[in-house]
Protein backbone atom coordinates (compact mmCIF):
# COMPACT_ATOMS: atom_id res chain seq x y z
CA UNK A 1 -0.01 -0.01 -0.01
CA UNK A 2 1.29 3.46 -0.83
CA UNK A 3 2.21 5.41 2.21
CA UNK A 4 0.75 8.62 0.74
CA UNK A 5 -2.63 7.65 2.14
CA UNK A 6 -1.45 8.16 5.71
CA UNK A 7 -0.41 11.79 5.43
CA UNK A 8 -2.87 14.64 6.07
CA UNK A 9 -2.55 17.34 3.47
CA UNK A 10 -3.75 20.04 5.77
CA UNK A 11 -3.41 23.36 3.94
CA UNK A 12 -7.17 23.94 4.05
CA UNK A 13 -7.31 23.28 7.80
CA UNK A 14 -4.26 25.27 8.90
CA UNK A 15 -6.20 28.35 9.95
CA UNK A 16 -8.62 26.29 12.00
CA UNK A 17 -5.94 24.45 13.95
CA UNK A 18 -3.15 26.95 14.54
CA UNK A 19 -2.52 30.67 13.93
CA UNK A 20 0.07 30.10 11.24
CA UNK A 21 -0.04 32.69 8.46
CA UNK A 22 1.34 31.78 5.05
CA UNK A 23 2.00 34.77 2.84
CA UNK A 24 4.30 37.69 2.24
CA UNK A 25 4.50 41.02 4.09
CA UNK A 26 0.97 41.92 3.07
CA UNK A 27 -0.33 39.09 5.23
CA UNK A 28 1.27 40.54 8.38
CA UNK A 29 -0.99 43.30 9.70
CA UNK A 30 -0.62 45.30 12.90
CA UNK A 31 -3.37 44.84 15.51
CA UNK A 32 -5.31 47.91 16.72
CA UNK A 33 -3.29 47.77 19.93
CA UNK A 34 0.05 47.88 18.18
CA UNK A 35 2.45 50.59 19.21
CA UNK A 36 3.81 53.17 16.82
CA UNK A 37 7.17 51.41 16.88
CA UNK A 38 5.53 48.09 15.99
CA UNK A 39 3.63 49.65 13.11
CA UNK A 40 6.73 51.30 11.80
CA UNK A 41 8.79 48.08 11.90
CA UNK A 42 9.66 46.83 8.43
CA UNK A 43 9.56 43.22 7.29
CA UNK A 44 11.61 42.25 4.28
CA UNK A 45 10.64 39.89 1.48
CA UNK A 46 11.55 36.39 0.42
CA UNK A 47 11.48 35.54 -3.31
CA UNK A 48 11.87 32.00 -4.72
CA UNK A 49 13.98 31.73 -7.84
CA UNK A 50 12.29 30.07 -10.80
CA UNK A 51 8.88 29.58 -9.22
CA UNK A 52 7.60 26.35 -7.70
CA UNK A 53 10.20 23.59 -7.41
CA UNK A 54 9.44 19.99 -8.44
CA UNK A 55 11.12 17.48 -6.07
CA UNK A 56 11.17 13.88 -7.30
CA UNK A 57 10.73 11.44 -4.43
CA UNK A 58 12.97 8.58 -5.52
CA UNK A 59 16.43 7.81 -6.83
CA UNK A 60 16.86 10.85 -9.07
CA UNK A 61 19.12 12.63 -6.59
CA UNK A 62 19.01 16.14 -5.22
CA UNK A 63 17.37 19.19 -6.77
CA UNK A 64 18.25 22.74 -5.73
CA UNK A 65 15.98 25.28 -4.09
CA UNK A 66 17.10 28.94 -4.35
CA UNK A 67 15.51 31.95 -2.70
CA UNK A 68 16.63 35.45 -1.81
CA UNK A 69 15.67 37.39 1.32
CA UNK A 70 15.83 41.20 1.23
CA UNK A 71 16.24 42.64 4.72
CA UNK A 72 15.30 46.13 6.01
CA UNK A 73 18.09 48.57 6.82
CA UNK A 74 19.71 48.34 10.24
CA UNK A 75 19.15 44.64 10.93
CA UNK A 76 21.49 43.36 13.59
CA UNK A 77 23.06 39.93 13.13
CA UNK A 78 23.33 37.10 13.38
CA UNK A 79 20.26 36.30 11.28
CA UNK A 80 18.58 32.92 11.66
CA UNK A 81 16.11 31.43 9.22
CA UNK A 82 13.69 28.49 9.04
CA UNK A 83 10.82 27.30 6.95
CA UNK A 84 7.79 25.30 7.88
CA UNK A 85 5.62 23.19 5.60
CA UNK A 86 1.86 23.77 5.44
CA UNK A 87 1.03 20.13 6.20
CA UNK A 88 1.56 17.58 8.90
CA UNK A 89 2.09 13.84 9.13
CA UNK A 90 -0.23 11.36 10.83
CA UNK A 91 1.08 8.00 11.97
CA UNK A 92 1.16 5.23 9.35
CA UNK A 93 0.48 2.58 11.98
CA UNK A 94 0.41 3.14 15.76
CA UNK A 95 3.70 4.79 16.74
CA UNK A 96 4.96 4.64 13.16
CA UNK A 97 5.92 7.55 10.96
CA UNK A 98 4.57 7.54 7.38
CA UNK A 99 7.99 8.72 6.16
CA UNK A 100 11.45 7.33 6.59
CA UNK A 101 13.85 8.68 9.21
CA UNK A 102 15.87 10.61 6.59
CA UNK A 103 13.01 11.26 4.14
CA UNK A 104 14.69 14.51 2.92
CA UNK A 105 18.43 15.17 3.02
CA UNK A 106 19.56 18.74 2.56
CA UNK A 107 22.80 20.71 2.22
CA UNK A 108 22.62 24.50 2.73
CA UNK A 109 24.63 27.45 1.51
CA UNK A 110 24.11 31.18 2.04
CA UNK A 111 25.61 33.84 -0.26
CA UNK A 112 27.85 31.19 -1.75
CA UNK A 113 29.21 29.93 1.56
CA UNK A 114 28.51 26.26 2.27
CA UNK A 115 27.24 25.33 5.72
CA UNK A 116 26.98 21.59 5.15
CA UNK A 117 24.03 19.42 6.06
CA UNK A 118 20.84 20.98 7.42
CA UNK A 119 18.60 18.73 9.46
CA UNK A 120 14.86 18.38 8.92
CA UNK A 121 12.39 17.94 11.75
CA UNK A 122 9.65 15.48 10.58
CA UNK A 123 7.29 14.90 13.57
CA UNK A 124 4.26 12.71 13.18
CA UNK A 125 1.05 12.63 15.13
CA UNK A 126 -1.75 10.22 16.13
CA UNK A 127 -4.63 9.91 13.71
CA UNK A 128 -6.81 11.85 16.17
CA UNK A 129 -5.21 15.18 17.07
CA UNK A 130 -5.99 16.77 20.45
CA UNK A 131 -3.53 19.63 20.06
CA UNK A 132 -2.44 21.70 17.08
CA UNK A 133 0.15 19.64 15.15
CA UNK A 134 3.81 20.44 14.80
CA UNK A 135 4.59 20.75 11.09
CA UNK A 136 7.69 19.56 9.26
CA UNK A 137 10.40 22.21 9.27
CA UNK A 138 13.97 22.96 8.34
CA UNK A 139 16.30 25.23 10.30
CA UNK A 140 18.81 27.16 8.21
CA UNK A 141 22.23 28.31 9.43
CA UNK A 142 22.79 31.53 11.37
CA UNK A 143 24.67 34.07 9.24
CA UNK A 144 25.84 37.72 9.51
CA UNK A 145 23.25 40.33 8.56
CA UNK A 146 23.33 41.68 5.02
CA UNK A 147 21.07 43.66 2.72
CA UNK A 148 20.30 40.49 0.79
CA UNK A 149 20.80 36.87 1.70
CA UNK A 150 20.64 34.21 -1.04
CA UNK A 151 19.94 30.70 0.19
CA UNK A 152 20.72 27.54 -1.71
CA UNK A 153 19.21 24.32 -0.31
CA UNK A 154 19.48 20.92 -1.97
CA UNK A 155 16.56 18.53 -1.48
CA UNK A 156 17.22 14.81 -1.91
CA UNK A 157 13.94 13.04 -1.16
CA UNK A 158 13.32 9.31 -0.90
CA UNK A 159 10.15 7.58 -2.06
CA UNK A 160 8.25 8.14 1.19
CA UNK A 161 8.31 11.93 0.55
CA UNK A 162 5.43 11.49 -1.90
CA UNK A 163 3.07 11.83 1.07
CA UNK A 164 4.00 15.54 1.27
CA UNK A 165 2.47 16.33 -2.12
CA UNK A 166 2.03 19.87 -3.39
CA UNK A 167 2.59 22.40 -0.63
CA UNK A 168 3.92 25.74 0.49
CA UNK A 169 6.58 26.60 3.05
CA UNK A 170 6.54 29.70 5.24
CA UNK A 171 10.04 31.20 5.44
CA UNK A 172 10.93 33.49 8.34
CA UNK A 173 14.20 35.24 9.08
CA UNK A 174 14.84 36.67 12.56
CA UNK A 175 17.41 39.09 13.89
CA UNK A 176 19.46 38.81 17.10
CA UNK A 177 16.44 39.93 19.20
CA UNK A 178 14.18 37.30 17.71
CA UNK A 179 12.11 39.73 15.70
CA UNK A 180 10.95 38.75 12.22
CA UNK A 181 12.90 40.75 9.64
CA UNK A 182 11.85 38.93 6.43
CA UNK A 183 9.03 36.60 5.48
CA UNK A 184 7.61 34.86 2.45
CA UNK A 185 6.50 31.56 0.93
CA UNK A 186 8.10 28.86 -1.19
CA UNK A 187 6.40 26.39 -3.46
CA UNK A 188 7.44 22.73 -3.35
CA UNK A 189 5.88 19.86 -5.30
CA UNK A 190 6.92 16.38 -4.15
CA UNK A 191 6.15 13.98 -6.99
CA UNK A 192 6.70 10.23 -7.36
CA UNK A 193 10.28 9.55 -8.51
CA UNK A 194 12.14 6.42 -9.51
CA UNK A 195 11.53 3.77 -6.82
CA UNK A 196 14.56 2.20 -5.16
CA UNK A 197 15.83 -1.02 -6.72
CA UNK A 198 14.29 -3.08 -3.90
CA UNK A 199 10.88 -1.75 -4.91
CA UNK A 200 11.24 -2.19 -8.66
CA UNK A 201 10.38 -5.49 -10.30
CA UNK A 202 12.51 -7.80 -12.42
CA UNK A 203 11.39 -10.28 -15.10
CA UNK A 204 13.47 -13.30 -16.09
CA UNK A 205 13.25 -15.12 -19.39
CA UNK A 206 14.85 -18.29 -20.71
CA UNK A 207 15.78 -18.49 -24.40
CA UNK A 208 15.68 -21.52 -26.60
CA UNK A 209 19.37 -22.24 -25.96
CA UNK A 210 18.76 -22.49 -22.23
CA UNK A 211 20.31 -19.10 -21.36
CA UNK A 212 18.53 -17.16 -18.63
CA UNK A 213 18.24 -13.38 -19.11
CA UNK A 214 17.29 -10.71 -16.60
CA UNK A 215 15.17 -7.66 -17.33
CA UNK A 216 15.28 -5.13 -14.46
CA UNK A 217 12.50 -2.60 -14.00
CA UNK A 218 13.39 1.06 -14.51
CA UNK A 219 10.49 2.71 -12.69
CA UNK A 220 9.41 4.37 -15.94
CA UNK A 221 6.49 2.69 -17.67
CA UNK A 222 7.37 4.34 -21.00
CA UNK A 223 10.54 2.19 -20.99
CA UNK A 224 9.83 -0.42 -18.31
CA UNK A 225 13.02 -2.46 -18.60
CA UNK A 226 16.70 -1.68 -18.68
CA UNK A 227 18.81 -3.55 -21.30
CA UNK A 228 18.74 -7.25 -20.51
CA UNK A 229 21.53 -8.95 -18.53
CA UNK A 230 22.77 -12.49 -19.00
CA UNK A 231 22.33 -14.64 -15.88
CA UNK A 232 23.83 -17.84 -17.23
CA UNK A 233 23.32 -20.99 -19.29
CA UNK A 234 22.01 -24.47 -18.53
CA UNK A 235 18.51 -23.46 -17.53
CA UNK A 236 16.93 -25.75 -20.15
CA UNK A 237 17.58 -28.54 -17.64
CA UNK A 238 14.40 -27.41 -15.93
CA UNK A 239 10.79 -28.09 -16.95
CA UNK A 240 9.46 -25.47 -14.56
CA UNK A 241 11.01 -22.40 -12.93
CA UNK A 242 8.85 -20.29 -10.56
CA UNK A 243 9.60 -17.45 -8.12
CA UNK A 244 8.50 -18.08 -4.56
CA UNK A 245 9.28 -14.53 -3.42
CA UNK A 246 8.96 -11.48 -5.61
CA UNK A 247 11.98 -10.82 -7.90
CA UNK A 248 13.24 -7.25 -7.63
CA UNK A 249 15.81 -5.12 -9.40
CA UNK A 250 18.21 -5.25 -6.42
CA UNK A 251 18.83 -8.96 -7.04
CA UNK A 252 16.44 -10.31 -4.45
CA UNK A 253 13.81 -12.97 -4.96
CA UNK A 254 14.04 -16.73 -4.45
CA UNK A 255 12.89 -19.39 -6.88
CA UNK A 256 12.44 -23.11 -7.24
CA UNK A 257 13.09 -25.16 -10.39
CA UNK A 258 12.03 -28.68 -11.34
CA UNK A 259 14.35 -30.75 -13.51
CA UNK A 260 13.36 -33.39 -16.06
CA UNK A 261 13.72 -36.16 -13.46
CA UNK A 262 11.17 -34.47 -11.22
CA UNK A 263 13.72 -33.20 -8.65
CA UNK A 264 12.93 -29.77 -7.20
CA UNK A 265 15.85 -27.39 -6.59
CA UNK A 266 16.01 -24.15 -4.62
CA UNK A 267 17.87 -21.04 -5.78
CA UNK A 268 18.11 -18.34 -3.15
CA UNK A 269 18.22 -14.70 -4.22
CA UNK A 270 21.61 -13.11 -3.52
CA UNK A 271 20.77 -9.43 -3.55
CA UNK A 272 23.40 -9.03 -6.29
CA UNK A 273 21.85 -8.00 -9.65
CA UNK A 274 24.92 -9.20 -11.55
CA UNK A 275 24.53 -12.72 -10.07
CA UNK A 276 20.99 -12.87 -8.66
CA UNK A 277 20.81 -16.57 -7.76
CA UNK A 278 22.98 -18.61 -5.43
CA UNK A 279 24.03 -22.16 -6.33
CA UNK A 280 21.06 -24.53 -6.17
CA UNK A 281 20.13 -26.74 -3.27
CA UNK A 282 18.19 -29.98 -3.59
CA UNK A 283 14.72 -30.05 -2.08
CA UNK A 284 13.51 -33.50 -3.15
CA UNK A 285 12.13 -35.75 -5.89
CA UNK A 286 8.67 -36.68 -7.08
CA UNK A 287 7.64 -33.28 -8.33
CA UNK A 288 6.74 -34.56 -11.81
CA UNK A 289 3.40 -35.43 -10.25
CA UNK A 290 2.44 -31.78 -10.67
CA UNK A 291 1.30 -29.97 -13.81
CA UNK A 292 1.79 -26.45 -12.39
CA UNK A 293 3.82 -24.82 -9.65
CA UNK A 294 3.13 -21.31 -8.32
CA UNK A 295 4.74 -19.20 -5.61
CA UNK A 296 2.31 -17.52 -3.22
CA UNK A 297 4.74 -14.69 -2.54
CA UNK A 298 5.61 -15.45 1.10
CA UNK A 299 8.02 -18.28 0.33
CA UNK A 300 5.29 -20.92 0.17
CA UNK A 301 4.49 -22.92 -2.94
CA UNK A 302 1.26 -24.33 -4.31
CA UNK A 303 1.29 -27.28 -6.74
CA UNK A 304 -1.48 -28.65 -8.96
CA UNK A 305 -1.58 -32.38 -9.62
CA UNK A 306 -2.97 -34.16 -12.73
CA UNK A 307 -6.41 -34.49 -11.11
CA UNK A 308 -6.65 -30.71 -10.68
CA UNK A 309 -6.10 -30.80 -6.93
CA UNK A 310 -4.04 -27.94 -5.47
CA UNK A 311 -1.56 -28.65 -2.68
CA UNK A 312 0.32 -26.22 -0.45
CA UNK A 313 3.87 -26.51 0.75
CA UNK A 314 4.80 -24.10 3.54
CA UNK A 315 7.93 -22.00 3.21
CA UNK A 316 10.28 -22.14 6.16
CA UNK A 317 13.62 -20.33 6.35
CA UNK A 318 13.74 -20.12 2.55
CA UNK A 319 13.22 -23.85 2.07
CA UNK A 320 10.18 -26.01 1.44
CA UNK A 321 9.20 -28.95 3.56
CA UNK A 322 6.28 -31.43 3.94
CA UNK A 323 3.88 -32.69 4.62
CA UNK A 324 1.80 -31.02 1.99
CA UNK A 325 -1.67 -29.60 2.77
CA UNK A 326 -4.63 -30.01 0.43
CA UNK A 327 -6.14 -26.73 -0.78
CA UNK A 328 -8.93 -28.02 -3.03
CA UNK A 329 -9.93 -29.41 -6.39
CA UNK A 330 -11.05 -27.93 -9.70
CA UNK A 331 -7.80 -26.16 -10.58
CA UNK A 332 -7.56 -27.85 -13.99
CA UNK A 333 -9.82 -25.13 -15.24
CA UNK A 334 -6.77 -22.92 -15.50
CA UNK A 335 -4.45 -22.89 -18.51
CA UNK A 336 -1.99 -20.51 -16.83
CA UNK A 337 -1.08 -19.73 -13.21
CA UNK A 338 1.33 -17.08 -11.92
CA UNK A 339 2.28 -15.33 -8.73
CA UNK A 340 0.62 -11.92 -8.62
CA UNK A 341 3.92 -10.14 -8.01
CA UNK A 342 2.73 -8.45 -4.84
CA UNK A 343 3.34 -11.13 -2.25
CA UNK A 344 -0.42 -11.26 -1.99
CA UNK A 345 -1.59 -14.27 -3.96
CA UNK A 346 -1.93 -15.68 -7.43
CA UNK A 347 -3.51 -15.07 -10.83
CA UNK A 348 -5.13 -17.77 -12.95
CA UNK A 349 -6.42 -17.74 -16.56
CA UNK A 350 -9.20 -20.19 -17.23
CA UNK A 351 -10.01 -22.05 -20.46
CA UNK A 352 -12.37 -19.30 -21.56
CA UNK A 353 -9.60 -16.69 -21.31
CA UNK A 354 -10.90 -15.08 -18.11
CA UNK A 355 -8.30 -13.92 -15.60
CA UNK A 356 -9.01 -14.43 -11.91
CA UNK A 357 -7.24 -13.04 -8.84
CA UNK A 358 -6.75 -15.08 -5.67
CA UNK A 359 -5.73 -12.81 -2.77
CA UNK A 360 -3.49 -14.48 -0.24
CA UNK A 361 -5.48 -15.31 2.89
CA UNK A 362 -3.02 -15.30 5.75
CA UNK A 363 -0.36 -17.15 7.62
CA UNK A 364 -0.02 -20.93 7.62
CA UNK A 365 -1.98 -23.12 8.37
CA UNK A 366 -4.89 -20.98 7.16
CA UNK A 367 -6.01 -21.55 3.53
CA UNK A 368 -3.61 -19.83 1.11
CA UNK A 369 -6.28 -17.96 -0.87
CA UNK A 370 -9.45 -16.05 -0.39
CA UNK A 371 -12.43 -16.46 -2.76
CA UNK A 372 -11.38 -15.63 -6.31
CA UNK A 373 -12.23 -12.29 -7.96
CA UNK A 374 -12.79 -11.81 -11.68
CA UNK A 375 -10.25 -9.49 -13.37
CA UNK A 376 -11.49 -9.66 -16.97
CA UNK A 377 -11.73 -11.63 -20.20
CA UNK A 378 -9.75 -11.87 -23.42
CA UNK A 379 -6.55 -13.23 -21.90
CA UNK A 380 -6.43 -16.23 -24.30
CA UNK A 381 -4.60 -13.97 -26.71
CA UNK A 382 -1.43 -14.42 -24.66
CA UNK A 383 1.08 -17.27 -24.70
CA UNK A 384 2.70 -16.25 -21.43
CA UNK A 385 1.76 -14.10 -18.47
CA UNK A 386 3.91 -13.16 -15.47
CA UNK A 387 3.12 -11.09 -12.43
CA UNK A 388 5.83 -8.63 -11.39
CA UNK A 389 6.57 -6.12 -8.70
CA UNK A 390 6.20 -2.45 -9.53
CA UNK A 391 7.53 -1.40 -12.95
CA UNK A 392 6.25 2.18 -12.67
CA UNK A 393 5.98 4.57 -9.72
CA UNK A 394 2.63 3.92 -8.05
CA UNK A 395 3.79 1.07 -5.79
CA UNK A 396 1.18 -1.32 -7.23
CA UNK A 397 2.31 -4.63 -8.71
CA UNK A 398 2.12 -5.05 -12.47
CA UNK A 399 1.80 -7.85 -15.00
CA UNK A 400 3.44 -8.56 -18.36
CA UNK A 401 1.90 -10.69 -21.07
CA UNK A 402 3.29 -11.96 -24.39
CA UNK A 403 1.03 -12.31 -27.42
CA UNK A 404 1.33 -14.77 -30.32
CA UNK A 405 3.38 -12.28 -32.35
CA UNK A 406 6.04 -12.06 -29.64
CA UNK A 407 4.99 -8.60 -28.40
CA UNK A 408 5.20 -8.03 -24.67
CA UNK A 409 2.49 -5.90 -23.07
CA UNK A 410 2.46 -4.21 -19.68
CA UNK A 411 -0.69 -4.06 -17.50
CA UNK A 412 -0.21 -1.63 -14.62
CA UNK A 413 -1.71 -2.67 -11.32
CA UNK A 414 -4.76 -0.94 -9.90
CA UNK A 415 -6.59 -1.26 -6.60
CA UNK A 416 -10.23 -2.40 -6.66
CA UNK A 417 -12.45 -2.47 -3.61
CA UNK A 418 -13.28 -6.17 -3.77
CA UNK A 419 -10.43 -7.66 -5.80
CA UNK A 420 -7.61 -5.80 -4.12
CA UNK A 421 -4.56 -5.27 -6.30
CA UNK A 422 -5.16 -6.51 -9.84
CA UNK A 423 -3.91 -5.82 -13.39
CA UNK A 424 -5.64 -2.81 -14.89
CA UNK A 425 -7.89 -2.89 -17.92
CA UNK A 426 -5.49 -1.02 -20.28
CA UNK A 427 -2.20 -2.19 -21.65
CA UNK A 428 0.92 -0.56 -23.13
CA UNK A 429 3.47 -2.09 -25.51
CA UNK A 430 6.85 -2.91 -24.06
CA UNK A 431 8.61 -4.25 -27.14
CA UNK A 432 8.62 -7.10 -29.67
CA UNK A 433 10.86 -10.11 -30.11
CA UNK A 434 9.84 -11.97 -26.97
CA UNK A 435 9.12 -15.16 -28.92
CA UNK A 436 12.81 -15.91 -28.59
CA UNK A 437 11.98 -17.02 -25.05
CA UNK A 438 10.24 -20.28 -24.09
CA UNK A 439 9.77 -19.29 -20.44
CA UNK A 440 8.99 -15.95 -18.85
CA UNK A 441 8.68 -15.45 -15.08
C-alpha cells in the first residue's frame, strides 16, 4: 500500500488548527493595539527563484531550491532562518511515521558559503489530534546580517516523501532579538520519482538455448526495462521455474526449479543483480506429479496435480518442507497460473480466457487464498503471463503478457475495492521479439 494515504494534506485546515499565516509582508498586519514602533517596523521579502520547485521522491538525486531574502536597513546579526511546511504527518500505523527517518536530506549554503548538512524535523502525530500539530520544518544556518541573503538548499527526497504532495513553506528570518525581519512563501511539489531497486520488479526469461536473461524494471512505464543482462546458461535442464518470493531489481527474490527427473531445486536470491541466484540446493524428488507450480509470494508454494487438486507447501527459512496440505480441487480449469507479483496471492487464466485473482489469505496453516475475484476476459490472446513487482511509480504490482506475435504488453496494477490489487484494464506495448523465449517469469 502506498504510504501517501497516511499523510494529512492540511493546507485547508491550517487556519482552524493553529494561527500560522502563510504569505508575504501583506499578510502581516498590525493589531489595533500595536504601538507606533511596531507599526513602523519593516519586514523584508523572500522571493523564490524560478517559481515552484518539483522535487522527485525517488532515486533521481538532489534538486536545488534557491531563494533570496531582502532585509530592512539596520538589521542586527546574526540572522537565523527556518521554513515550515503547510502540512503535517499522521502516523502510518500506531507509533509509526509515514515517512522514513531521513526522508529529505539537505545541504545548505548562504551567499555562496557552504554550511553543510541541514537537518529536517519531521514529527508525526496520532490519527486523532488533540492539540495543534507540529509541522515539518527545516532550520537554516545563522549568518551575519546583510542587505540580501541568497539561500541555496538541496533537497534529496526518498520515495516516502510522496506523502508531502504539493505544498507551501513559510520562510521566516529573525534578527538577534528574535524579531521577524523577512518573510515569504516557497512552493514545493513532491512527486513520485524512481523507486529504489528493492521496490522495482525484475522479469526473467529463458531463451531456446537455455540461457537465462534478466530484465530489471526502470520505474518508468514508457521504458519499463533496462537492457537485458545475462544470468547464465544451462536453464533448459528445468521443466518449470517459478519465483516463490517477488523478484526485484536489487537482485532479491528466491525461486524453485524442477528438472526433467522431477527433482525440485532451490535457488536463493543473492541481492546481487549481476549474479541474482545462489548455487542450487536440492529439495527433493517426485515433483513430476504436478502440472503447475506457483509461488504464493511469502516463500510458500502451491502445486497442482494431474487431477486438478491444489496442494500447499509451507515456506520455512527459505526452504520447502512437507507434509503437503490439500487446498482443493477444480484447478484444472486454468491454462496458466502465476504469482501476482505483490506477495499477496496468485492469478489464474481459465479455459475461456478469463483472468481471476486469488488474494493471499493469511499465515500458515490458514488456507492460502481467499475467494477468487474476476479480473476480466480476453486473456487467451497471450502465450505467457507473469506477475511482477512495480515497474512504474505507483507502488502497485504489475503484470506482463506476451502475445502470439512475440509482443510483450504491460498491464499496470490498480486497486479495486473487492479484488484488491489486480492488473488494470489497459495495456501498453513494451517491445517485440519476446518469442525468442520459451519461459518468462
